[in-house]
């Protein structure tokens, strides 16, 4: 009976080992996916920074033009 119990314990340990292998594989795949997503997010953030910088430049130019028009109209003190 002890041998049957040993076999039962060993079978459970084998199943646990297989579950752990599966979890490791899934975790590795998830890491790769997350890294890819992170790289994409970093790229998007870089693009957004460039867009905001460009918009800030355009807004500055518009502000200068408005000030010039205000000066011409005598609206600006």
N, C-alpha and C. Protein backbone atom coordinates (compact mmCIF):
# COMPACT_ATOMS: atom_id res chain seq x y z
N UNK A 1 0.81 -1.20 0.00
CA UNK A 1 0.00 0.00 0.00
C UNK A 1 0.85 1.26 0.00
N UNK A 2 2.01 1.18 0.66
CA UNK A 2 2.91 2.34 0.69
C UNK A 2 3.40 2.66 -0.72
N UNK A 3 3.63 1.61 -1.50
CA UNK A 3 4.09 1.82 -2.88
C UNK A 3 3.01 2.52 -3.70
N UNK A 4 1.78 2.14 -3.50
CA UNK A 4 0.67 2.80 -4.19
C UNK A 4 0.56 4.26 -3.80
N UNK A 5 0.80 4.54 -2.53
CA UNK A 5 0.76 5.93 -2.05
C UNK A 5 1.92 6.73 -2.65
N UNK A 6 3.11 6.10 -2.72
CA UNK A 6 4.27 6.75 -3.32
C UNK A 6 3.99 7.08 -4.79
N UNK A 7 3.39 6.13 -5.49
CA UNK A 7 3.07 6.36 -6.90
C UNK A 7 2.05 7.50 -7.06
N UNK A 8 1.09 7.55 -6.16
CA UNK A 8 0.09 8.60 -6.20
C UNK A 8 0.74 9.97 -5.96
N UNK A 9 1.64 10.03 -5.00
CA UNK A 9 2.35 11.29 -4.71
C UNK A 9 3.22 11.68 -5.90
N UNK A 10 3.94 10.70 -6.45
CA UNK A 10 4.79 10.98 -7.61
C UNK A 10 3.96 11.46 -8.80
N UNK A 11 2.82 10.87 -9.01
CA UNK A 11 1.94 11.29 -10.11
C UNK A 11 1.48 12.73 -9.91
N UNK A 12 1.12 13.08 -8.69
CA UNK A 12 0.71 14.45 -8.39
C UNK A 12 1.86 15.43 -8.61
N UNK A 13 3.06 15.01 -8.18
CA UNK A 13 4.25 15.87 -8.39
C UNK A 13 4.54 16.05 -9.88
N UNK A 14 4.37 15.00 -10.66
CA UNK A 14 4.56 15.12 -12.13
C UNK A 14 3.55 16.10 -12.72
N UNK A 15 2.32 16.01 -12.26
CA UNK A 15 1.29 16.93 -12.77
C UNK A 15 1.61 18.37 -12.38
N UNK A 16 2.09 18.55 -11.16
CA UNK A 16 2.47 19.89 -10.72
C UNK A 16 3.63 20.41 -11.57
N UNK A 17 4.61 19.54 -11.84
CA UNK A 17 5.74 19.95 -12.67
C UNK A 17 5.28 20.36 -14.06
N UNK A 18 4.36 19.61 -14.64
CA UNK A 18 3.83 19.96 -15.97
C UNK A 18 3.08 21.30 -15.92
N UNK A 19 2.32 21.51 -14.87
CA UNK A 19 1.62 22.80 -14.71
C UNK A 19 2.61 23.94 -14.63
N UNK A 20 3.70 23.73 -13.88
CA UNK A 20 4.72 24.77 -13.75
C UNK A 20 5.39 25.06 -15.09
N UNK A 21 5.67 24.01 -15.86
CA UNK A 21 6.25 24.21 -17.20
C UNK A 21 5.32 25.04 -18.07
N UNK A 22 4.05 24.70 -18.00
CA UNK A 22 3.05 25.44 -18.78
C UNK A 22 2.98 26.90 -18.35
N UNK A 23 3.01 27.12 -17.06
CA UNK A 23 2.98 28.50 -16.54
C UNK A 23 4.22 29.27 -16.97
N UNK A 24 5.37 28.61 -16.92
CA UNK A 24 6.61 29.29 -17.36
C UNK A 24 6.53 29.68 -18.83
N UNK A 25 6.02 28.77 -19.64
CA UNK A 25 5.87 29.05 -21.07
C UNK A 25 4.92 30.22 -21.30
N UNK A 26 3.78 30.17 -20.63
CA UNK A 26 2.81 31.26 -20.75
C UNK A 26 3.39 32.58 -20.28
N UNK A 27 4.14 32.55 -19.20
CA UNK A 27 4.76 33.77 -18.67
C UNK A 27 5.78 34.32 -19.65
N UNK A 28 6.57 33.45 -20.24
CA UNK A 28 7.56 33.89 -21.23
C UNK A 28 6.88 34.53 -22.43
N UNK A 29 5.82 33.90 -22.90
CA UNK A 29 5.09 34.46 -24.04
C UNK A 29 4.47 35.80 -23.68
N UNK A 30 3.96 35.90 -22.46
CA UNK A 30 3.36 37.16 -22.01
C UNK A 30 4.41 38.25 -21.92
N UNK A 31 5.60 37.90 -21.45
CA UNK A 31 6.68 38.88 -21.36
C UNK A 31 7.02 39.44 -22.73
N UNK A 32 7.11 38.56 -23.71
CA UNK A 32 7.42 38.99 -25.07
C UNK A 32 6.33 39.92 -25.58
N UNK A 33 5.08 39.56 -25.34
CA UNK A 33 3.96 40.38 -25.79
C UNK A 33 3.96 41.74 -25.10
N UNK A 34 4.20 41.74 -23.80
CA UNK A 34 4.21 43.00 -23.05
C UNK A 34 5.36 43.89 -23.52
N UNK A 35 6.51 43.29 -23.77
CA UNK A 35 7.65 44.08 -24.26
C UNK A 35 7.32 44.70 -25.61
N UNK A 36 6.68 43.94 -26.47
CA UNK A 36 6.28 44.48 -27.78
C UNK A 36 5.28 45.62 -27.62
N UNK A 37 4.32 45.42 -26.75
CA UNK A 37 3.33 46.47 -26.50
C UNK A 37 3.99 47.71 -25.91
N UNK A 38 4.94 47.51 -25.00
CA UNK A 38 5.63 48.63 -24.37
C UNK A 38 6.43 49.41 -25.41
N UNK A 39 7.08 48.71 -26.31
CA UNK A 39 7.83 49.38 -27.37
C UNK A 39 6.89 50.22 -28.23
N UNK A 40 5.71 49.66 -28.52
CA UNK A 40 4.72 50.39 -29.32
C UNK A 40 4.23 51.64 -28.58
N UNK A 41 3.99 51.50 -27.28
CA UNK A 41 3.54 52.64 -26.48
C UNK A 41 4.63 53.72 -26.44
N UNK A 42 5.87 53.31 -26.27
CA UNK A 42 6.98 54.28 -26.25
C UNK A 42 7.06 55.02 -27.59
N UNK A 43 6.88 54.29 -28.66
CA UNK A 43 6.90 54.92 -29.99
C UNK A 43 5.75 55.91 -30.13
N UNK A 44 4.57 55.52 -29.68
CA UNK A 44 3.41 56.41 -29.75
C UNK A 44 3.63 57.67 -28.91
N UNK A 45 4.21 57.50 -27.72
CA UNK A 45 4.47 58.65 -26.85
C UNK A 45 5.47 59.59 -27.52
N UNK A 46 6.49 59.03 -28.16
CA UNK A 46 7.45 59.86 -28.87
C UNK A 46 6.78 60.66 -29.98
N UNK A 47 5.89 60.00 -30.72
CA UNK A 47 5.15 60.68 -31.78
C UNK A 47 4.26 61.79 -31.23
N UNK A 48 3.60 61.50 -30.11
CA UNK A 48 2.74 62.52 -29.50
C UNK A 48 3.55 63.71 -29.01
N UNK A 49 4.74 63.44 -28.47
CA UNK A 49 5.60 64.55 -28.03
C UNK A 49 5.95 65.45 -29.21
N UNK A 50 6.28 64.82 -30.33
CA UNK A 50 6.62 65.62 -31.52
C UNK A 50 5.41 66.43 -31.98
N UNK A 51 4.22 65.82 -31.95
CA UNK A 51 3.02 66.53 -32.37
C UNK A 51 2.74 67.72 -31.45
N UNK A 52 2.86 67.51 -30.14
CA UNK A 52 2.61 68.58 -29.19
C UNK A 52 3.62 69.70 -29.39
N UNK A 53 4.85 69.34 -29.62
CA UNK A 53 5.88 70.35 -29.87
C UNK A 53 5.55 71.16 -31.13
N UNK A 54 5.14 70.44 -32.17
CA UNK A 54 4.76 71.13 -33.41
C UNK A 54 3.55 72.03 -33.21
N UNK A 55 2.56 71.55 -32.46
CA UNK A 55 1.38 72.37 -32.19
C UNK A 55 1.73 73.60 -31.35
N UNK A 56 2.63 73.43 -30.40
CA UNK A 56 3.06 74.57 -29.58
C UNK A 56 3.72 75.63 -30.46
N UNK A 57 4.49 75.19 -31.42
CA UNK A 57 5.14 76.12 -32.34
C UNK A 57 4.10 76.87 -33.17
N UNK A 58 3.12 76.14 -33.69
CA UNK A 58 2.06 76.76 -34.50
C UNK A 58 1.25 77.74 -33.65
N UNK A 59 0.94 77.36 -32.43
CA UNK A 59 0.18 78.25 -31.54
C UNK A 59 0.98 79.52 -31.25
N UNK A 60 2.29 79.36 -31.06
CA UNK A 60 3.14 80.54 -30.85
C UNK A 60 3.12 81.47 -32.05
N UNK A 61 3.17 80.89 -33.24
CA UNK A 61 3.12 81.71 -34.46
C UNK A 61 1.78 82.42 -34.59
N UNK A 62 0.69 81.71 -34.28
CA UNK A 62 -0.63 82.32 -34.34
C UNK A 62 -0.75 83.46 -33.33
N UNK A 63 -0.19 83.26 -32.16
CA UNK A 63 -0.22 84.29 -31.12
C UNK A 63 0.52 85.54 -31.60
N UNK A 64 1.66 85.35 -32.25
CA UNK A 64 2.41 86.49 -32.78
C UNK A 64 1.60 87.21 -33.86
N UNK A 65 0.93 86.47 -34.71
CA UNK A 65 0.12 87.09 -35.76
C UNK A 65 -1.05 87.88 -35.17
N UNK A 66 -1.70 87.30 -34.16
CA UNK A 66 -2.81 87.99 -33.51
C UNK A 66 -2.31 89.29 -32.86
N UNK A 67 -1.16 89.20 -32.19
CA UNK A 67 -0.59 90.41 -31.59
C UNK A 67 -0.30 91.46 -32.65
N UNK A 68 0.22 91.04 -33.80
CA UNK A 68 0.51 91.98 -34.88
C UNK A 68 -0.76 92.64 -35.40
N UNK A 69 -1.81 91.83 -35.59
CA UNK A 69 -3.09 92.37 -36.05
C UNK A 69 -3.65 93.34 -35.01
N UNK A 70 -3.54 92.98 -33.73
CA UNK A 70 -4.03 93.85 -32.66
C UNK A 70 -3.27 95.18 -32.66
N UNK A 71 -1.98 95.12 -32.90
CA UNK A 71 -1.19 96.35 -32.97
C UNK A 71 -1.66 97.22 -34.14
N UNK A 72 -1.90 96.59 -35.28
CA UNK A 72 -2.35 97.32 -36.47
C UNK A 72 -3.71 97.97 -36.24
N UNK A 73 -4.58 97.27 -35.50
CA UNK A 73 -5.90 97.79 -35.24
C UNK A 73 -5.93 98.77 -34.05
N UNK A 74 -4.84 98.84 -33.34
CA UNK A 74 -4.79 99.71 -32.18
C UNK A 74 -5.51 99.14 -30.97
N UNK A 75 -5.76 97.87 -30.98
CA UNK A 75 -6.46 97.23 -29.87
C UNK A 75 -5.50 96.96 -28.72
N UNK A 76 -4.28 96.66 -29.06
CA UNK A 76 -3.31 96.30 -28.03
C UNK A 76 -2.67 97.57 -27.46
N UNK A 77 -2.63 97.70 -26.15
CA UNK A 77 -2.04 98.92 -25.55
C UNK A 77 -0.54 99.02 -25.76
